[in-house]
Amino acid sequence: MTKTVIDAGICGFKTYVEAESDDGQNVSLEIKSGCPDIMAMSESLKKLDAYNVVFGPMTDSPVYKLAAKHCSHAACPVPMGIIKTIEVACSLALPKDATVHIEKD
C-alpha cells in the first residue's frame, strides 16, 4: 500500500491518500480530506486504470477532469499528489517527495 499526505497550503486542508494495486495497472484509492471539493472528487476515484490516469495529456486524465469539475482553486496541489500516489502504487515511479517552495520578498 502507498500512503501520501498532501498539505495543500494556505487553505489549511490536508488530504490523505491510500493506494493499492495488485497488478501494476488497476488501482484502488481511499481519499480523506477536510476539503469538500476533494471529497466530492473522491467519490469517483475509488478504482482506476492507472495507465489512463498517468499517461497522456493532463486534460485526458480522469483525475484532472474531476478536478476541473469539483475544485474551486486551480492551483490546488491535491490532484497532482493523487496522481503521484497512483504512480508509486503501480510501480510506474519511485517514491520521492515532490515539493513547491514559495518565497516572496
N, C-alpha and C. Protein backbone atom coordinates (compact mmCIF):
# COMPACT_ATOMS: atom_id res chain seq x y z
N MET A 1 0.85 -1.18 0.00
CA MET A 1 0.00 0.00 0.00
C MET A 1 0.89 1.24 0.00
N THR A 2 0.47 2.23 -0.75
CA THR A 2 1.17 3.51 -0.81
C THR A 2 0.32 4.54 -0.10
N LYS A 3 0.94 5.31 0.79
CA LYS A 3 0.23 6.33 1.56
C LYS A 3 0.88 7.69 1.32
N THR A 4 0.04 8.69 1.11
CA THR A 4 0.52 10.05 0.85
C THR A 4 -0.27 11.03 1.69
N VAL A 5 0.43 12.03 2.23
CA VAL A 5 -0.21 13.16 2.90
C VAL A 5 0.08 14.39 2.04
N ILE A 6 -0.98 15.08 1.65
CA ILE A 6 -0.83 16.28 0.82
C ILE A 6 -1.30 17.48 1.63
N ASP A 7 -0.38 18.38 1.91
CA ASP A 7 -0.70 19.64 2.61
C ASP A 7 -0.91 20.68 1.52
N ALA A 8 -2.15 21.09 1.33
CA ALA A 8 -2.49 21.96 0.20
C ALA A 8 -2.02 23.40 0.37
N GLY A 9 -1.58 23.77 1.55
CA GLY A 9 -1.03 25.12 1.72
C GLY A 9 -1.92 26.02 2.54
N ILE A 10 -2.11 27.24 2.06
CA ILE A 10 -2.76 28.28 2.84
C ILE A 10 -4.21 27.97 3.20
N CYS A 11 -4.87 27.12 2.45
CA CYS A 11 -6.26 26.76 2.78
C CYS A 11 -6.32 25.97 4.08
N GLY A 12 -5.20 25.32 4.44
CA GLY A 12 -5.14 24.57 5.68
C GLY A 12 -5.63 23.14 5.59
N PHE A 13 -6.11 22.72 4.43
CA PHE A 13 -6.62 21.37 4.29
C PHE A 13 -5.50 20.37 4.00
N LYS A 14 -5.57 19.23 4.66
CA LYS A 14 -4.69 18.11 4.37
C LYS A 14 -5.53 17.01 3.75
N THR A 15 -4.91 16.32 2.81
CA THR A 15 -5.57 15.20 2.15
C THR A 15 -4.71 13.97 2.34
N TYR A 16 -5.36 12.86 2.67
CA TYR A 16 -4.68 11.60 2.91
C TYR A 16 -5.13 10.62 1.82
N VAL A 17 -4.15 10.08 1.11
CA VAL A 17 -4.45 9.17 0.01
C VAL A 17 -3.78 7.83 0.29
N GLU A 18 -4.55 6.76 0.17
CA GLU A 18 -4.01 5.40 0.23
C GLU A 18 -4.33 4.73 -1.09
N ALA A 19 -3.32 4.13 -1.68
CA ALA A 19 -3.49 3.47 -2.98
C ALA A 19 -2.91 2.07 -2.94
N GLU A 20 -3.61 1.17 -3.62
CA GLU A 20 -3.13 -0.21 -3.67
C GLU A 20 -3.41 -0.79 -5.05
N SER A 21 -2.42 -1.52 -5.56
CA SER A 21 -2.56 -2.17 -6.86
C SER A 21 -1.96 -3.56 -6.79
N ASP A 22 -2.71 -4.54 -7.26
CA ASP A 22 -2.21 -5.92 -7.28
C ASP A 22 -1.53 -6.26 -8.60
N ASP A 23 -1.85 -5.51 -9.66
CA ASP A 23 -1.34 -5.87 -10.98
C ASP A 23 -0.51 -4.78 -11.66
N GLY A 24 -0.28 -3.66 -10.98
CA GLY A 24 0.52 -2.59 -11.56
C GLY A 24 -0.23 -1.72 -12.55
N GLN A 25 -1.52 -1.94 -12.70
CA GLN A 25 -2.31 -1.11 -13.61
C GLN A 25 -3.61 -0.64 -12.97
N ASN A 26 -4.34 -1.55 -12.36
CA ASN A 26 -5.60 -1.19 -11.72
C ASN A 26 -5.32 -0.82 -10.27
N VAL A 27 -5.86 0.31 -9.85
CA VAL A 27 -5.54 0.83 -8.52
C VAL A 27 -6.82 1.16 -7.77
N SER A 28 -6.80 0.86 -6.46
CA SER A 28 -7.90 1.21 -5.57
C SER A 28 -7.42 2.36 -4.69
N LEU A 29 -8.27 3.37 -4.54
CA LEU A 29 -7.91 4.55 -3.75
C LEU A 29 -8.86 4.75 -2.59
N GLU A 30 -8.30 5.24 -1.50
CA GLU A 30 -9.08 5.71 -0.36
C GLU A 30 -8.57 7.13 -0.10
N ILE A 31 -9.46 8.11 -0.18
CA ILE A 31 -9.08 9.51 -0.03
C ILE A 31 -9.89 10.11 1.11
N LYS A 32 -9.18 10.79 2.01
CA LYS A 32 -9.83 11.50 3.11
C LYS A 32 -9.28 12.92 3.12
N SER A 33 -10.16 13.89 3.27
CA SER A 33 -9.74 15.28 3.23
C SER A 33 -10.75 16.15 3.97
N GLY A 34 -10.26 17.24 4.54
CA GLY A 34 -11.15 18.23 5.12
C GLY A 34 -11.77 19.12 4.06
N CYS A 35 -11.28 19.03 2.84
CA CYS A 35 -11.77 19.88 1.75
C CYS A 35 -13.01 19.25 1.11
N PRO A 36 -14.12 19.96 1.09
CA PRO A 36 -15.33 19.40 0.48
C PRO A 36 -15.17 19.17 -1.03
N ASP A 37 -14.36 19.98 -1.71
CA ASP A 37 -14.14 19.79 -3.14
C ASP A 37 -13.43 18.47 -3.41
N ILE A 38 -12.40 18.19 -2.62
CA ILE A 38 -11.65 16.94 -2.80
C ILE A 38 -12.51 15.74 -2.43
N MET A 39 -13.31 15.87 -1.41
CA MET A 39 -14.19 14.76 -1.04
C MET A 39 -15.23 14.50 -2.12
N ALA A 40 -15.71 15.56 -2.79
CA ALA A 40 -16.65 15.37 -3.90
C ALA A 40 -15.96 14.61 -5.04
N MET A 41 -14.71 14.95 -5.31
CA MET A 41 -13.93 14.24 -6.34
C MET A 41 -13.73 12.78 -5.98
N SER A 42 -13.46 12.53 -4.71
CA SER A 42 -13.05 11.20 -4.27
C SER A 42 -14.11 10.14 -4.52
N GLU A 43 -15.36 10.55 -4.60
CA GLU A 43 -16.45 9.59 -4.83
C GLU A 43 -16.28 8.87 -6.18
N SER A 44 -15.64 9.54 -7.13
CA SER A 44 -15.44 8.94 -8.46
C SER A 44 -14.03 8.39 -8.64
N LEU A 45 -13.25 8.37 -7.57
CA LEU A 45 -11.85 7.92 -7.66
C LEU A 45 -11.59 6.69 -6.80
N LYS A 46 -12.50 5.78 -6.74
CA LYS A 46 -12.33 4.57 -5.92
C LYS A 46 -11.47 3.52 -6.62
N LYS A 47 -11.74 3.28 -7.90
CA LYS A 47 -10.98 2.28 -8.69
C LYS A 47 -10.69 2.90 -10.05
N LEU A 48 -9.42 2.85 -10.42
CA LEU A 48 -9.00 3.48 -11.68
C LEU A 48 -7.99 2.62 -12.42
N ASP A 49 -7.91 2.84 -13.71
CA ASP A 49 -6.85 2.27 -14.54
C ASP A 49 -5.71 3.29 -14.52
N ALA A 50 -4.61 2.94 -13.90
CA ALA A 50 -3.50 3.88 -13.72
C ALA A 50 -2.97 4.38 -15.06
N TYR A 51 -2.98 3.55 -16.07
CA TYR A 51 -2.46 3.98 -17.37
C TYR A 51 -3.30 5.12 -17.94
N ASN A 52 -4.62 5.09 -17.71
CA ASN A 52 -5.48 6.19 -18.16
C ASN A 52 -5.25 7.46 -17.35
N VAL A 53 -4.82 7.31 -16.11
CA VAL A 53 -4.58 8.46 -15.24
C VAL A 53 -3.23 9.10 -15.52
N VAL A 54 -2.21 8.28 -15.69
CA VAL A 54 -0.82 8.75 -15.71
C VAL A 54 -0.32 9.12 -17.10
N PHE A 55 -0.67 8.32 -18.09
CA PHE A 55 -0.10 8.52 -19.42
C PHE A 55 -1.04 9.33 -20.31
N GLY A 56 -0.48 10.20 -21.09
CA GLY A 56 -1.27 11.04 -21.98
C GLY A 56 -1.36 12.46 -21.48
N PRO A 57 -2.06 13.30 -22.22
CA PRO A 57 -2.19 14.71 -21.84
C PRO A 57 -2.93 14.88 -20.51
N MET A 58 -2.55 15.91 -19.77
CA MET A 58 -3.20 16.20 -18.49
C MET A 58 -4.72 16.31 -18.65
N THR A 59 -5.14 16.93 -19.72
CA THR A 59 -6.57 17.17 -19.92
C THR A 59 -7.36 15.89 -20.15
N ASP A 60 -6.67 14.78 -20.41
CA ASP A 60 -7.35 13.50 -20.59
C ASP A 60 -7.37 12.65 -19.32
N SER A 61 -6.63 13.05 -18.30
CA SER A 61 -6.57 12.29 -17.06
C SER A 61 -7.89 12.41 -16.29
N PRO A 62 -8.48 11.28 -15.89
CA PRO A 62 -9.73 11.36 -15.13
C PRO A 62 -9.59 12.16 -13.84
N VAL A 63 -8.41 12.17 -13.24
CA VAL A 63 -8.20 12.94 -12.00
C VAL A 63 -8.33 14.43 -12.30
N TYR A 64 -7.68 14.90 -13.36
CA TYR A 64 -7.76 16.32 -13.69
C TYR A 64 -9.14 16.70 -14.24
N LYS A 65 -9.82 15.78 -14.90
CA LYS A 65 -11.18 16.07 -15.35
C LYS A 65 -12.10 16.29 -14.15
N LEU A 66 -11.94 15.44 -13.13
CA LEU A 66 -12.75 15.61 -11.92
C LEU A 66 -12.35 16.87 -11.16
N ALA A 67 -11.07 17.19 -11.17
CA ALA A 67 -10.61 18.42 -10.51
C ALA A 67 -11.23 19.63 -11.19
N ALA A 68 -11.29 19.61 -12.52
CA ALA A 68 -11.89 20.73 -13.25
C ALA A 68 -13.37 20.88 -12.89
N LYS A 69 -14.01 19.78 -12.62
CA LYS A 69 -15.44 19.80 -12.28
C LYS A 69 -15.68 20.23 -10.82
N HIS A 70 -14.83 19.78 -9.91
CA HIS A 70 -15.11 19.95 -8.48
C HIS A 70 -14.24 20.97 -7.75
N CYS A 71 -13.00 21.13 -8.15
CA CYS A 71 -12.09 22.01 -7.39
C CYS A 71 -12.35 23.47 -7.72
N SER A 72 -12.39 24.28 -6.68
CA SER A 72 -12.64 25.70 -6.87
C SER A 72 -11.35 26.52 -6.91
N HIS A 73 -10.20 25.84 -6.86
CA HIS A 73 -8.92 26.54 -6.85
C HIS A 73 -7.96 25.87 -7.84
N ALA A 74 -7.63 26.57 -8.91
CA ALA A 74 -6.81 25.98 -9.98
C ALA A 74 -5.41 25.59 -9.52
N ALA A 75 -4.89 26.22 -8.48
CA ALA A 75 -3.54 25.93 -8.00
C ALA A 75 -3.50 24.78 -6.98
N CYS A 76 -4.60 24.12 -6.75
CA CYS A 76 -4.65 23.03 -5.78
C CYS A 76 -3.64 21.94 -6.15
N PRO A 77 -2.76 21.56 -5.21
CA PRO A 77 -1.78 20.51 -5.50
C PRO A 77 -2.31 19.09 -5.30
N VAL A 78 -3.52 18.95 -4.82
CA VAL A 78 -4.03 17.62 -4.49
C VAL A 78 -4.18 16.71 -5.71
N PRO A 79 -4.73 17.18 -6.84
CA PRO A 79 -4.81 16.27 -7.99
C PRO A 79 -3.44 15.71 -8.40
N MET A 80 -2.43 16.54 -8.41
CA MET A 80 -1.08 16.06 -8.74
C MET A 80 -0.63 15.03 -7.71
N GLY A 81 -0.89 15.28 -6.43
CA GLY A 81 -0.50 14.35 -5.39
C GLY A 81 -1.20 13.01 -5.51
N ILE A 82 -2.46 13.03 -5.92
CA ILE A 82 -3.19 11.79 -6.14
C ILE A 82 -2.53 10.99 -7.27
N ILE A 83 -2.19 11.68 -8.34
CA ILE A 83 -1.56 11.00 -9.48
C ILE A 83 -0.19 10.46 -9.11
N LYS A 84 0.60 11.23 -8.36
CA LYS A 84 1.92 10.74 -7.93
C LYS A 84 1.75 9.48 -7.06
N THR A 85 0.74 9.46 -6.21
CA THR A 85 0.48 8.30 -5.37
C THR A 85 0.14 7.08 -6.22
N ILE A 86 -0.69 7.27 -7.24
CA ILE A 86 -1.06 6.19 -8.15
C ILE A 86 0.18 5.65 -8.86
N GLU A 87 1.05 6.55 -9.33
CA GLU A 87 2.28 6.12 -10.00
C GLU A 87 3.10 5.18 -9.12
N VAL A 88 3.28 5.56 -7.87
CA VAL A 88 4.10 4.76 -6.95
C VAL A 88 3.40 3.44 -6.64
N ALA A 89 2.10 3.48 -6.39
CA ALA A 89 1.36 2.26 -6.06
C ALA A 89 1.44 1.24 -7.18
N CYS A 90 1.52 1.71 -8.43
CA CYS A 90 1.55 0.82 -9.60
C CYS A 90 2.96 0.60 -10.13
N SER A 91 3.96 1.02 -9.36
CA SER A 91 5.38 0.87 -9.75
C SER A 91 5.70 1.55 -11.08
N LEU A 92 5.02 2.66 -11.34
CA LEU A 92 5.31 3.46 -12.53
C LEU A 92 6.27 4.60 -12.21
N ALA A 93 6.57 4.79 -10.93
CA ALA A 93 7.53 5.78 -10.48
C ALA A 93 8.04 5.35 -9.11
N LEU A 94 9.22 5.80 -8.77
CA LEU A 94 9.77 5.53 -7.45
C LEU A 94 9.21 6.52 -6.44
N PRO A 95 9.11 6.13 -5.17
CA PRO A 95 8.60 7.06 -4.16
C PRO A 95 9.61 8.17 -3.88
N LYS A 96 9.23 9.39 -4.15
CA LYS A 96 10.07 10.56 -3.89
C LYS A 96 9.13 11.74 -3.69
N ASP A 97 9.37 12.52 -2.64
CA ASP A 97 8.53 13.69 -2.39
C ASP A 97 8.65 14.70 -3.53
N ALA A 98 7.56 15.33 -3.84
CA ALA A 98 7.52 16.45 -4.78
C ALA A 98 7.17 17.68 -3.97
N THR A 99 7.88 18.77 -4.14
CA THR A 99 7.63 19.96 -3.32
C THR A 99 7.50 21.21 -4.16
N VAL A 100 6.81 22.19 -3.59
CA VAL A 100 6.76 23.54 -4.14
C VAL A 100 7.16 24.45 -2.99
N HIS A 101 8.24 25.16 -3.15
CA HIS A 101 8.72 26.06 -2.12
C HIS A 101 8.52 27.49 -2.61
N ILE A 102 7.77 28.29 -1.87
CA ILE A 102 7.43 29.63 -2.31
C ILE A 102 7.99 30.66 -1.34
N GLU A 103 8.65 31.67 -1.87
CA GLU A 103 9.13 32.81 -1.10
C GLU A 103 8.69 34.08 -1.77
N LYS A 104 8.39 35.07 -0.98
CA LYS A 104 8.05 36.38 -1.52
C LYS A 104 8.90 37.42 -0.79
N ASP A 105 9.65 38.17 -1.55
CA ASP A 105 10.50 39.22 -0.95
C ASP A 105 9.78 40.55 -0.95
